[in-house]
Protein backbone atom coordinates (compact mmCIF):
# COMPACT_ATOMS: atom_id res chain seq x y z
CA UNK A 1 -25.70 -35.61 -22.50
CA UNK A 2 -25.63 -33.43 -19.08
CA UNK A 3 -27.08 -35.32 -16.07
CA UNK A 4 -30.77 -34.90 -15.60
CA UNK A 5 -31.54 -32.56 -12.52
CA UNK A 6 -29.91 -28.94 -12.60
CA UNK A 7 -29.19 -29.67 -8.21
CA UNK A 8 -28.40 -32.96 -8.27
CA UNK A 9 -24.72 -33.62 -9.59
CA UNK A 10 -23.57 -36.92 -9.61
CA UNK A 11 -21.36 -37.02 -12.14
CA UNK A 12 -18.09 -35.34 -13.31
CA UNK A 13 -17.77 -33.74 -16.94
CA UNK A 14 -14.59 -35.94 -18.57
CA UNK A 15 -13.15 -35.96 -21.79
CA UNK A 16 -16.22 -34.40 -22.83
CA UNK A 17 -18.48 -36.80 -21.36
CA UNK A 18 -20.40 -37.30 -18.46
CA UNK A 19 -19.08 -39.63 -16.16
CA UNK A 20 -20.25 -41.43 -13.20
CA UNK A 21 -18.65 -41.26 -9.76
CA UNK A 22 -16.84 -44.23 -8.64
CA UNK A 23 -17.48 -44.44 -4.81
CA UNK A 24 -18.55 -40.79 -4.68
CA UNK A 25 -19.03 -38.46 -1.31
CA UNK A 26 -22.15 -36.87 -1.67
CA UNK A 27 -22.21 -33.18 -0.59
CA UNK A 28 -25.53 -32.04 0.03
CA UNK A 29 -25.35 -28.16 -0.61
CA UNK A 30 -28.61 -25.98 0.77
CA UNK A 31 -29.84 -22.62 0.27
CA UNK A 32 -28.28 -19.97 2.13
CA UNK A 33 -31.16 -17.99 2.86
CA UNK A 34 -33.27 -20.91 3.84
CA UNK A 35 -30.63 -23.60 4.97
CA UNK A 36 -33.35 -25.81 2.92
CA UNK A 37 -31.59 -28.82 1.00
CA UNK A 38 -30.80 -27.04 -2.65
CA UNK A 39 -29.02 -30.01 -4.23
CA UNK A 40 -26.52 -32.86 -4.47
CA UNK A 41 -23.24 -33.02 -5.90
CA UNK A 42 -20.38 -35.78 -5.93
CA UNK A 43 -17.59 -34.79 -4.31
CA UNK A 44 -14.07 -36.11 -6.59
CA UNK A 45 -11.20 -37.76 -5.71
CA UNK A 46 -7.48 -38.89 -6.81
CA UNK A 47 -8.83 -41.23 -8.99
CA UNK A 48 -11.40 -38.93 -10.72
CA UNK A 49 -8.73 -36.05 -11.07
CA UNK A 50 -6.25 -38.63 -12.44
CA UNK A 51 -8.45 -39.15 -15.06
CA UNK A 52 -9.55 -35.71 -15.71
CA UNK A 53 -5.51 -35.03 -15.99
CA UNK A 54 -5.03 -37.73 -18.29
CA UNK A 55 -7.70 -36.38 -20.37
CA UNK A 56 -6.47 -32.56 -20.61
CA UNK A 57 -2.96 -34.33 -21.32
CA UNK A 58 -4.24 -35.89 -24.08
CA UNK A 59 -6.18 -33.27 -25.75
CA UNK A 60 -3.25 -31.06 -26.09
CA UNK A 61 -0.49 -33.78 -26.78
CA UNK A 62 -2.41 -35.91 -29.55
CA UNK A 63 -5.59 -34.14 -29.91
CA UNK A 64 -6.75 -31.21 -32.33
CA UNK A 65 -6.62 -28.40 -29.32
CA UNK A 66 -2.86 -28.76 -29.45
CA UNK A 67 -2.73 -28.15 -32.73
CA UNK A 68 -5.38 -25.42 -33.11
CA UNK A 69 -4.50 -22.03 -34.47
CA UNK A 70 -5.25 -18.66 -32.36
CA UNK A 71 -8.11 -18.09 -34.57
CA UNK A 72 -9.49 -21.62 -34.72
CA UNK A 73 -9.50 -21.22 -30.49
CA UNK A 74 -10.81 -17.87 -30.77
CA UNK A 75 -13.78 -19.16 -32.96
CA UNK A 76 -14.36 -21.65 -30.47
CA UNK A 77 -14.39 -19.40 -27.25
CA UNK A 78 -16.87 -17.23 -28.67
CA UNK A 79 -19.36 -20.27 -28.94
CA UNK A 80 -18.71 -21.32 -25.68
CA UNK A 81 -19.39 -17.45 -24.40
CA UNK A 82 -22.80 -17.83 -26.46
CA UNK A 83 -23.84 -21.15 -24.73
CA UNK A 84 -23.00 -19.61 -22.03
CA UNK A 85 -24.66 -16.43 -22.23
CA UNK A 86 -27.82 -18.05 -22.82
CA UNK A 87 -27.12 -20.02 -19.67
CA UNK A 88 -27.11 -16.63 -17.82
CA UNK A 89 -29.46 -15.73 -15.79
CA UNK A 90 -30.36 -18.99 -14.24
CA UNK A 91 -26.73 -19.57 -13.49
CA UNK A 92 -26.63 -16.26 -11.46
CA UNK A 93 -30.11 -17.59 -9.56
CA UNK A 94 -28.28 -20.40 -9.17
CA UNK A 95 -25.40 -19.18 -7.61
CA UNK A 96 -26.92 -16.83 -5.42
CA UNK A 97 -29.37 -19.96 -3.50
CA UNK A 98 -25.43 -21.24 -3.09
CA UNK A 99 -23.65 -19.02 -1.68
CA UNK A 100 -26.21 -15.53 -0.86
CA UNK A 101 -24.69 -13.13 -3.50
CA UNK A 102 -27.62 -10.78 -4.22
CA UNK A 103 -29.34 -11.26 -7.81
CA UNK A 104 -28.34 -7.82 -9.28
CA UNK A 105 -24.31 -8.72 -8.71
CA UNK A 106 -24.81 -12.19 -9.25
CA UNK A 107 -26.16 -11.60 -12.69
CA UNK A 108 -23.24 -9.01 -13.13
CA UNK A 109 -20.09 -11.91 -11.88
CA UNK A 110 -21.75 -15.09 -12.54
CA UNK A 111 -23.73 -14.14 -16.12
CA UNK A 112 -21.91 -11.48 -17.72
CA UNK A 113 -18.52 -11.25 -16.79
CA UNK A 114 -17.92 -14.70 -17.70
CA UNK A 115 -18.88 -14.05 -21.29
CA UNK A 116 -17.26 -10.72 -21.51
CA UNK A 117 -13.71 -12.18 -20.57
CA UNK A 118 -14.57 -14.75 -23.31
CA UNK A 119 -14.80 -13.26 -26.01
CA UNK A 120 -11.88 -10.21 -25.05
CA UNK A 121 -9.76 -13.48 -24.42
CA UNK A 122 -10.96 -14.52 -28.21
CA UNK A 123 -10.17 -11.61 -29.44
CA UNK A 124 -6.37 -11.28 -27.57
CA UNK A 125 -5.70 -14.82 -29.07
CA UNK A 126 -5.86 -13.40 -32.26
CA UNK A 127 -4.34 -10.18 -32.07
CA UNK A 128 -0.93 -11.44 -30.34
CA UNK A 129 1.97 -12.56 -32.35
CA UNK A 130 2.62 -15.99 -30.92
CA UNK A 131 5.91 -16.13 -32.68
CA UNK A 132 8.65 -13.62 -33.93
CA UNK A 133 12.37 -14.04 -35.43
CA UNK A 134 15.33 -11.98 -34.19
CA UNK A 135 18.84 -11.84 -36.10
CA UNK A 136 21.35 -13.93 -34.51
CA UNK A 137 24.94 -14.02 -35.04
CA UNK A 138 24.99 -17.08 -37.06
CA UNK A 139 21.45 -16.49 -38.47
CA UNK A 140 18.64 -15.92 -36.73
CA UNK A 141 16.76 -17.55 -33.96
CA UNK A 142 12.66 -18.06 -33.51
CA UNK A 143 10.85 -17.01 -30.64
CA UNK A 144 7.59 -18.95 -30.02
CA UNK A 145 5.24 -18.31 -27.31
CA UNK A 146 3.74 -21.52 -26.51
CA UNK A 147 0.92 -22.97 -24.27
CA UNK A 148 2.24 -23.74 -20.52
CA UNK A 149 0.05 -26.95 -21.04
CA UNK A 150 -2.26 -28.46 -18.85
CA UNK A 151 -3.93 -26.50 -16.27
CA UNK A 152 -4.90 -27.30 -13.09
CA UNK A 153 -7.66 -24.83 -12.13
CA UNK A 154 -9.05 -24.16 -7.92
CA UNK A 155 -11.65 -21.74 -7.59
CA UNK A 156 -13.09 -20.17 -4.03
CA UNK A 157 -17.06 -20.13 -3.87
CA UNK A 158 -17.87 -16.35 -3.55
CA UNK A 159 -17.83 -15.50 -7.28
CA UNK A 160 -17.45 -19.13 -8.48
CA UNK A 161 -18.39 -18.51 -12.49
CA UNK A 162 -15.88 -15.49 -12.77
CA UNK A 163 -12.82 -16.81 -10.67
CA UNK A 164 -13.56 -20.11 -12.71
CA UNK A 165 -13.49 -17.96 -16.22
CA UNK A 166 -10.78 -15.77 -15.22
CA UNK A 167 -8.46 -19.16 -15.51
CA UNK A 168 -9.78 -20.95 -18.67
CA UNK A 169 -10.01 -18.19 -20.73
CA UNK A 170 -6.44 -17.18 -20.79
CA UNK A 171 -5.97 -21.16 -20.75
CA UNK A 172 -7.95 -21.39 -23.35
CA UNK A 173 -6.62 -18.54 -25.47
CA UNK A 174 -2.74 -19.89 -25.30
CA UNK A 175 -3.92 -23.27 -26.16
CA UNK A 176 -3.52 -24.71 -22.91
CA UNK A 177 -6.11 -27.78 -21.63
CA UNK A 178 -7.94 -27.50 -18.04
CA UNK A 179 -8.93 -29.64 -15.50
CA UNK A 180 -11.30 -27.60 -12.77
CA UNK A 181 -11.87 -27.89 -9.41
CA UNK A 182 -14.93 -26.03 -8.13
CA UNK A 183 -15.48 -25.84 -4.25
CA UNK A 184 -17.80 -27.42 -3.09
CA UNK A 185 -20.25 -24.87 -1.64
CA UNK A 186 -20.92 -24.18 -5.34
CA UNK A 187 -20.16 -27.03 -6.77
CA UNK A 188 -24.14 -27.15 -8.69
CA UNK A 189 -23.55 -24.26 -11.25
CA UNK A 190 -19.67 -25.60 -11.78
CA UNK A 191 -21.49 -28.39 -14.22
CA UNK A 192 -22.89 -25.37 -16.36
CA UNK A 193 -19.81 -24.73 -17.82
CA UNK A 194 -19.56 -28.05 -18.75
CA UNK A 195 -22.66 -28.30 -20.49
CA UNK A 196 -21.88 -25.02 -22.38
CA UNK A 197 -18.59 -26.40 -23.36
CA UNK A 198 -20.37 -29.52 -24.57
CA UNK A 199 -23.01 -27.53 -26.41
CA UNK A 200 -20.36 -24.94 -28.22
CA UNK A 201 -18.16 -28.09 -29.21
CA UNK A 202 -15.35 -27.70 -27.13
CA UNK A 203 -12.90 -31.04 -28.45
CA UNK A 204 -13.14 -33.44 -25.71
CA UNK A 205 -10.52 -33.46 -22.47
CA UNK A 206 -10.52 -29.48 -23.22
CA UNK A 207 -11.74 -28.63 -20.35
CA UNK A 208 -12.98 -31.25 -17.24
CA UNK A 209 -14.76 -30.35 -14.16
CA UNK A 210 -14.68 -32.40 -11.05
CA UNK A 211 -16.02 -30.90 -8.11
CA UNK A 212 -14.23 -32.20 -4.90
CA UNK A 213 -12.33 -31.00 -1.71
CA UNK A 214 -9.26 -30.80 -0.32
CA UNK A 215 -8.21 -34.11 -1.63
CA UNK A 216 -9.58 -33.51 -4.96
CA UNK A 217 -6.92 -29.98 -4.76
CA UNK A 218 -4.68 -31.86 -3.27
CA UNK A 219 -4.28 -34.07 -5.89
CA UNK A 220 -4.30 -32.26 -8.81
CA UNK A 221 -1.67 -30.27 -7.79
CA UNK A 222 0.67 -33.40 -6.78
CA UNK A 223 -0.56 -34.76 -10.22
CA UNK A 224 3.09 -35.36 -12.31
CA UNK A 225 0.71 -34.52 -15.52
CA UNK A 226 -0.20 -30.31 -14.40
CA UNK A 227 1.99 -28.24 -15.50
CA UNK A 228 0.47 -25.37 -13.95
CA UNK A 229 -1.92 -24.48 -11.18
CA UNK A 230 -3.94 -21.32 -11.34
CA UNK A 231 -5.65 -20.66 -7.90
CA UNK A 232 -8.30 -18.27 -6.05
CA UNK A 233 -9.24 -18.65 -2.42
CA UNK A 234 -7.56 -18.49 1.61
CA UNK A 235 -3.53 -17.49 2.12
CA UNK A 236 -3.50 -20.45 3.96
CA UNK A 237 -4.42 -22.78 1.22
CA UNK A 238 -2.64 -20.34 -1.32
CA UNK A 239 0.72 -21.18 1.25
CA UNK A 240 0.03 -25.37 1.41
CA UNK A 241 -0.40 -25.03 -2.55
CA UNK A 242 3.00 -22.86 -3.35
CA UNK A 243 5.04 -25.19 -1.49
CA UNK A 244 3.53 -28.45 -3.22
CA UNK A 245 3.69 -27.01 -6.45
CA UNK A 246 7.17 -25.80 -5.76
CA UNK A 247 8.72 -29.39 -5.11
CA UNK A 248 7.64 -30.69 -8.52
CA UNK A 249 8.26 -27.09 -10.14
CA UNK A 250 5.02 -26.44 -11.25
CA UNK A 251 4.12 -23.33 -12.44
CA UNK A 252 1.58 -21.19 -10.22
CA UNK A 253 -0.53 -17.68 -9.94
CA UNK A 254 -2.39 -17.63 -6.51
CA UNK A 255 -5.36 -14.73 -5.72
CA UNK A 256 -5.25 -15.06 -2.26
CA UNK A 257 -6.90 -13.55 0.79
CA UNK A 258 -6.94 -9.05 1.81
CA UNK A 259 -7.20 -6.72 4.48
CA UNK A 260 -7.39 -3.25 2.47
CA UNK A 261 -7.28 -0.37 3.46
CA UNK A 262 -9.63 2.95 3.12
CA UNK A 263 -7.93 5.92 3.67
CA UNK A 264 -10.04 8.90 4.29
CA UNK A 265 -7.92 11.97 3.78
CA UNK A 266 -8.83 15.21 5.50
CA UNK A 267 -9.63 16.84 2.74
CA UNK A 268 -11.81 14.29 1.03
CA UNK A 269 -15.61 14.54 0.29
CA UNK A 270 -18.03 11.99 2.41
CA UNK A 271 -20.73 12.13 -0.02
CA UNK A 272 -18.08 10.33 -2.03
CA UNK A 273 -17.05 7.63 0.26
CA UNK A 274 -20.93 6.95 0.97
CA UNK A 275 -21.69 5.96 -2.57
CA UNK A 276 -18.32 4.05 -2.46
CA UNK A 277 -19.10 1.70 0.13
CA UNK A 278 -21.55 -0.95 -2.32
CA UNK A 279 -18.65 -1.86 -3.84
CA UNK A 280 -15.56 -0.46 -2.02
CA UNK A 281 -16.60 -1.88 1.51
CA UNK A 282 -19.66 -4.41 1.71
CA UNK A 283 -19.53 -5.85 -1.60
CA UNK A 284 -20.80 -9.51 -1.51
CA UNK A 285 -21.74 -8.93 1.92
CA UNK A 286 -18.16 -8.76 1.96
CA UNK A 287 -17.24 -11.85 1.09
CA UNK A 288 -15.19 -10.24 -1.58
CA UNK A 289 -10.89 -10.52 -1.30
CA UNK A 290 -10.60 -6.64 -2.21
CA UNK A 291 -12.71 -6.05 1.06
CA UNK A 292 -11.76 -2.38 2.60
CA UNK A 293 -12.41 -3.79 5.58
CA UNK A 294 -9.93 -1.34 7.48
CA UNK A 295 -11.16 2.48 7.31
CA UNK A 296 -8.22 4.65 8.04
CA UNK A 297 -9.42 8.56 9.26
CA UNK A 298 -8.12 11.39 10.49
CA UNK A 299 -8.86 12.20 14.32
CA UNK A 300 -10.65 15.10 13.69
CA UNK A 301 -13.11 13.64 11.27
CA UNK A 302 -14.08 10.24 12.72
CA UNK A 303 -17.27 10.18 14.07
CA UNK A 304 -18.34 11.90 10.53
CA UNK A 305 -16.75 8.70 9.01
CA UNK A 306 -18.93 6.26 11.90
CA UNK A 307 -21.87 8.70 10.74
CA UNK A 308 -21.68 7.93 7.34
CA UNK A 309 -21.13 3.79 8.08
CA UNK A 310 -24.05 3.86 10.17
CA UNK A 311 -26.55 5.45 8.42
CA UNK A 312 -25.15 3.23 5.44
CA UNK A 313 -26.03 0.00 7.54
CA UNK A 314 -29.36 1.44 8.84
CA UNK A 315 -30.39 1.49 4.60
CA UNK A 316 -29.56 -2.48 4.23
CA UNK A 317 -32.33 -4.66 3.34
CA UNK A 318 -30.91 -7.97 4.67
CA UNK A 319 -32.99 -11.16 3.31
CA UNK A 320 -33.48 -13.53 0.60
CA UNK A 321 -30.91 -12.76 -2.56
CA UNK A 322 -33.39 -13.18 -5.06
CA UNK A 323 -35.38 -10.85 -3.85
CA UNK A 324 -34.11 -7.47 -5.58
CA UNK A 325 -35.12 -4.94 -2.71
CA UNK A 326 -32.78 -6.93 -0.71
CA UNK A 327 -29.27 -5.39 -0.77
CA UNK A 328 -27.13 -7.53 1.77
CA UNK A 329 -27.66 -11.27 1.79
CA UNK A 330 -26.57 -14.36 3.98
CA UNK A 331 -22.57 -16.04 4.25
CA UNK A 332 -22.33 -18.74 2.58
CA UNK A 333 -22.50 -21.72 5.14
CA UNK A 334 -22.97 -22.36 8.55
CA UNK A 335 -19.43 -22.65 9.37
CA UNK A 336 -18.36 -19.43 7.80
CA UNK A 337 -20.99 -17.60 9.77
CA UNK A 338 -19.70 -19.05 12.99
CA UNK A 339 -16.28 -17.75 12.06
CA UNK A 340 -17.67 -14.27 11.27
CA UNK A 341 -19.53 -14.32 14.49
CA UNK A 342 -16.81 -15.50 15.90
CA UNK A 343 -14.55 -12.27 15.09
CA UNK A 344 -16.85 -9.82 15.95
CA UNK A 345 -16.82 -10.97 19.66
CA UNK A 346 -13.19 -10.79 19.67
CA UNK A 347 -14.29 -7.16 18.58
CA UNK A 348 -16.86 -6.81 21.43
CA UNK A 349 -14.20 -8.86 24.19
CA UNK A 350 -11.36 -6.35 23.19
CA UNK A 351 -13.82 -3.29 24.24
CA UNK A 352 -13.89 -1.33 20.88
CA UNK A 353 -16.74 1.00 19.95
CA UNK A 354 -19.48 -1.32 19.03
CA UNK A 355 -21.00 1.42 16.18
CA UNK A 356 -23.38 -1.09 14.74
CA UNK A 357 -24.37 -5.10 14.68
CA UNK A 358 -22.61 -7.22 16.86
CA UNK A 359 -22.57 -11.02 17.12
CA UNK A 360 -26.67 -11.38 17.78
CA UNK A 361 -28.81 -12.81 14.50
CA UNK A 362 -30.31 -10.12 13.15
CA UNK A 363 -33.61 -9.01 14.19
CA UNK A 364 -36.84 -11.21 12.03
CA UNK A 365 -34.04 -13.56 10.16
CA UNK A 366 -34.73 -16.71 11.88
CA UNK A 367 -33.69 -18.94 9.21
CA UNK A 368 -30.58 -18.32 7.18
CA UNK A 369 -26.78 -17.64 7.71
CA UNK A 370 -27.09 -14.03 8.26
CA UNK A 371 -24.85 -11.98 9.84
CA UNK A 372 -25.44 -8.13 10.97
CA UNK A 373 -23.20 -6.05 9.59
CA UNK A 374 -21.03 -4.57 11.80
CA UNK A 375 -19.15 -1.87 12.56
CA UNK A 376 -16.35 -1.27 15.49
CA UNK A 377 -14.67 2.08 15.75
CA UNK A 378 -11.29 3.15 17.84
CA UNK A 379 -9.99 -0.02 16.52
CA UNK A 380 -6.43 -0.89 17.17
CA UNK A 381 -4.27 -1.94 13.86
CA UNK A 382 -2.23 -4.49 16.19
CA UNK A 383 -5.93 -6.03 16.68
CA UNK A 384 -6.53 -9.30 14.97
CA UNK A 385 -9.82 -7.76 14.11
CA UNK A 386 -7.62 -5.32 12.04
CA UNK A 387 -5.26 -7.66 10.70
CA UNK A 388 -6.56 -11.16 9.83
CA UNK A 389 -9.14 -11.34 6.91
CA UNK A 390 -12.99 -11.94 7.89
CA UNK A 391 -14.63 -12.14 4.76
CA UNK A 392 -17.96 -10.72 6.53
CA UNK A 393 -19.91 -7.28 7.09
CA UNK A 394 -17.35 -6.61 9.54
CA UNK A 395 -15.66 -3.04 9.43
CA UNK A 396 -12.78 -1.80 11.31
CA UNK A 397 -12.62 2.27 11.47
CA UNK A 398 -8.69 2.88 12.52
CA UNK A 399 -7.92 6.59 13.52
CA UNK A 400 -5.05 8.35 12.57
CA UNK A 401 -2.47 11.59 13.20
CA UNK A 402 -0.82 12.20 9.95
CA UNK A 403 -0.89 10.96 6.66
CA UNK A 404 2.81 9.01 7.09
CA UNK A 405 0.96 7.28 9.80
CA UNK A 406 -1.86 6.78 7.50
CA UNK A 407 0.44 5.29 5.41
CA UNK A 408 2.45 3.06 7.84
CA UNK A 409 -1.01 1.91 9.26
CA UNK A 410 -2.56 1.23 5.34
CA UNK A 411 1.00 -0.93 4.96
CA UNK A 412 1.27 -2.80 8.31
CA UNK A 413 -0.44 -6.11 7.23
CA UNK A 414 0.98 -8.85 5.41
CA UNK A 415 -1.51 -8.49 2.60
CA UNK A 416 -1.40 -6.17 -0.51
CA UNK A 417 -4.25 -6.85 -2.58
CA UNK A 418 -6.17 -4.16 -2.71
CA UNK A 419 -7.72 -0.36 -1.54
CA UNK A 420 -8.81 2.88 -1.52
CA UNK A 421 -7.78 6.60 -0.98
CA UNK A 422 -10.22 9.35 -0.87
CA UNK A 423 -9.40 13.10 -1.37
CA UNK A 424 -10.31 15.82 -3.45
CA UNK A 425 -6.98 16.65 -4.72
CA UNK A 426 -6.67 13.61 -7.20
CA UNK A 427 -3.00 14.05 -7.72
CA UNK A 428 -2.23 14.09 -3.73
CA UNK A 429 -4.22 11.24 -3.59
CA UNK A 430 -2.03 9.35 -6.38
CA UNK A 431 0.92 10.56 -4.34
CA UNK A 432 -0.32 8.53 -1.00
CA UNK A 433 -1.67 5.29 -2.97
CA UNK A 434 1.83 4.92 -4.17
CA UNK A 435 3.22 5.10 -1.39
CA UNK A 436 0.91 2.15 -0.34
CA UNK A 437 1.93 -1.89 -1.30
CA UNK A 438 -0.86 -3.44 -3.14
CA UNK A 439 -1.55 -4.82 -6.65
CA UNK A 440 -4.53 -2.74 -6.89
CA UNK A 441 -5.85 1.13 -5.56
CA UNK A 442 -8.47 3.29 -5.89
CA UNK A 443 -9.29 6.87 -5.81
CA UNK A 444 -12.38 7.84 -4.75
CA UNK A 445 -13.61 4.14 -5.41
CA UNK A 446 -12.59 0.58 -5.93
CA UNK A 447 -13.95 -1.06 -9.03
CA UNK A 448 -12.45 -4.05 -10.71
CA UNK A 449 -11.34 -3.12 -14.47
CA UNK A 450 -11.28 -6.74 -16.08
CA UNK A 451 -9.08 -4.60 -18.65
CA UNK A 452 -6.49 -4.43 -16.46
CA UNK A 453 -4.13 -6.75 -14.65
CA UNK A 454 -5.77 -7.83 -11.06
CA UNK A 455 -3.91 -9.67 -8.58
CA UNK A 456 -1.86 -8.92 -4.78
CA UNK A 457 1.50 -8.57 -3.56
CA UNK A 458 3.19 -9.93 -0.07
CA UNK A 459 0.49 -12.42 1.30
CA UNK A 460 -1.99 -11.54 -1.20
CA UNK A 461 -0.60 -13.88 -3.99
CA UNK A 462 1.04 -13.91 -7.22
CA UNK A 463 0.33 -13.39 -10.79
CA UNK A 464 -2.17 -12.09 -12.30
CA UNK A 465 -5.48 -11.85 -13.86
CA UNK A 466 -7.48 -10.31 -16.40
CA UNK A 467 -6.49 -7.95 -19.02
CA UNK A 468 -3.93 -8.88 -21.64
CA UNK A 469 -1.13 -9.01 -18.50
CA UNK A 470 -3.40 -12.23 -18.02
CA UNK A 471 -2.56 -14.34 -21.45
CA UNK A 472 0.99 -14.40 -20.25
CA UNK A 473 0.30 -16.64 -17.07
CA UNK A 474 -0.14 -19.30 -19.18
CA UNK A 475 2.47 -19.01 -22.30
CA UNK A 476 5.87 -20.33 -22.15
CA UNK A 477 8.88 -18.62 -24.34
CA UNK A 478 10.90 -21.48 -26.63
CA UNK A 479 14.20 -20.45 -28.46
CA UNK A 480 14.79 -22.42 -31.69
CA UNK A 481 18.42 -21.14 -33.26
CA UNK A 482 18.11 -21.33 -37.00
């Protein structure tokens, strides 16, 4: 049975059981909007990770999951989805309390989306042909697609349920087993996945959950029983994971940071641009890897664009993310809030035009980790403000002279995750988008399609999530000559 108290998680979900932590480090999670203690979670270390990996290994090598058919896995995944769906409202609320995500977005991202991903991957598992026969010179060759093995899934705090399921669902569909390490900041909601898995009858060891910090993450990456690491988080952490995984030749998929550019072409309809800001620019208070935090504008239209951004910010309602009237919540933690504020201070010190916001706390919000949505105009793309991922509501408006210069500026970054082109000429927009090196692009809007592959290039990562392509990253090919 799951531990009592949804906001007090002192046990781990390992091998289908709730295990007491051994000499646990306790992490207190505070509500982002009020700073009041919300709950306590035990942080696992190498011993808990080892136990979880051994359970996952046994479930794959000796348990029923390793011998399951795609249809059997799909049926189990559908029960898992149903179980999560029943918990959706409360899970979304808990995520909002932990990381400050506004409630409507949390319902989509942390309740509806994980269920939809599980069900779509169940369908893909049943539809896919995992074995084919090919003629060869001496007979034929059986080509099998087999599970890559035990997957270590490490996820960030900004969209915790969605990010976890983006790894769990294709892994299960492929026949893998999983050890999930959620971020400390959103450890409380992670164990809802364990409760739902238990309720749905996932065999012991198929899904294991151990919250933890850096020590747990390092132990998971280094563990010889893990065959693949699937990670979402910062580029710096992704680089460290890639280096460590490379030493043991583990497979990796890394969904990392971004510094995406929204390119406003001279013929852009600024009403369309304004309607895109919720998803493309300010989603989750900028705590989104695809945030288009660089707005590239023609010199002749800079003031128009700044006026649109200023009007949008003026209409934002900041406050408790559980209030449906609120459109911008707080940052996830005091530490992260100060990091974002330091970037704002940098922009102020460099003399860029401060159009809205600033480093001072928002008026009337004396508690909670709130940051004033901030717009800088006339930003130099060489500035750290324009080059480094801030992960908050801080926007740099960068002027350009020609479309060629706009493309050069858009590509002048180590990242390549998202982007959008605004224009009335869609074919021309597609041409400009094709010249920008990025894993995803939008024309006149940016909204992720979970039926299509998502991921980045350059320092934004390796591999793809979502859609049928995601399944490929959890499979290995084996050829048997007959």
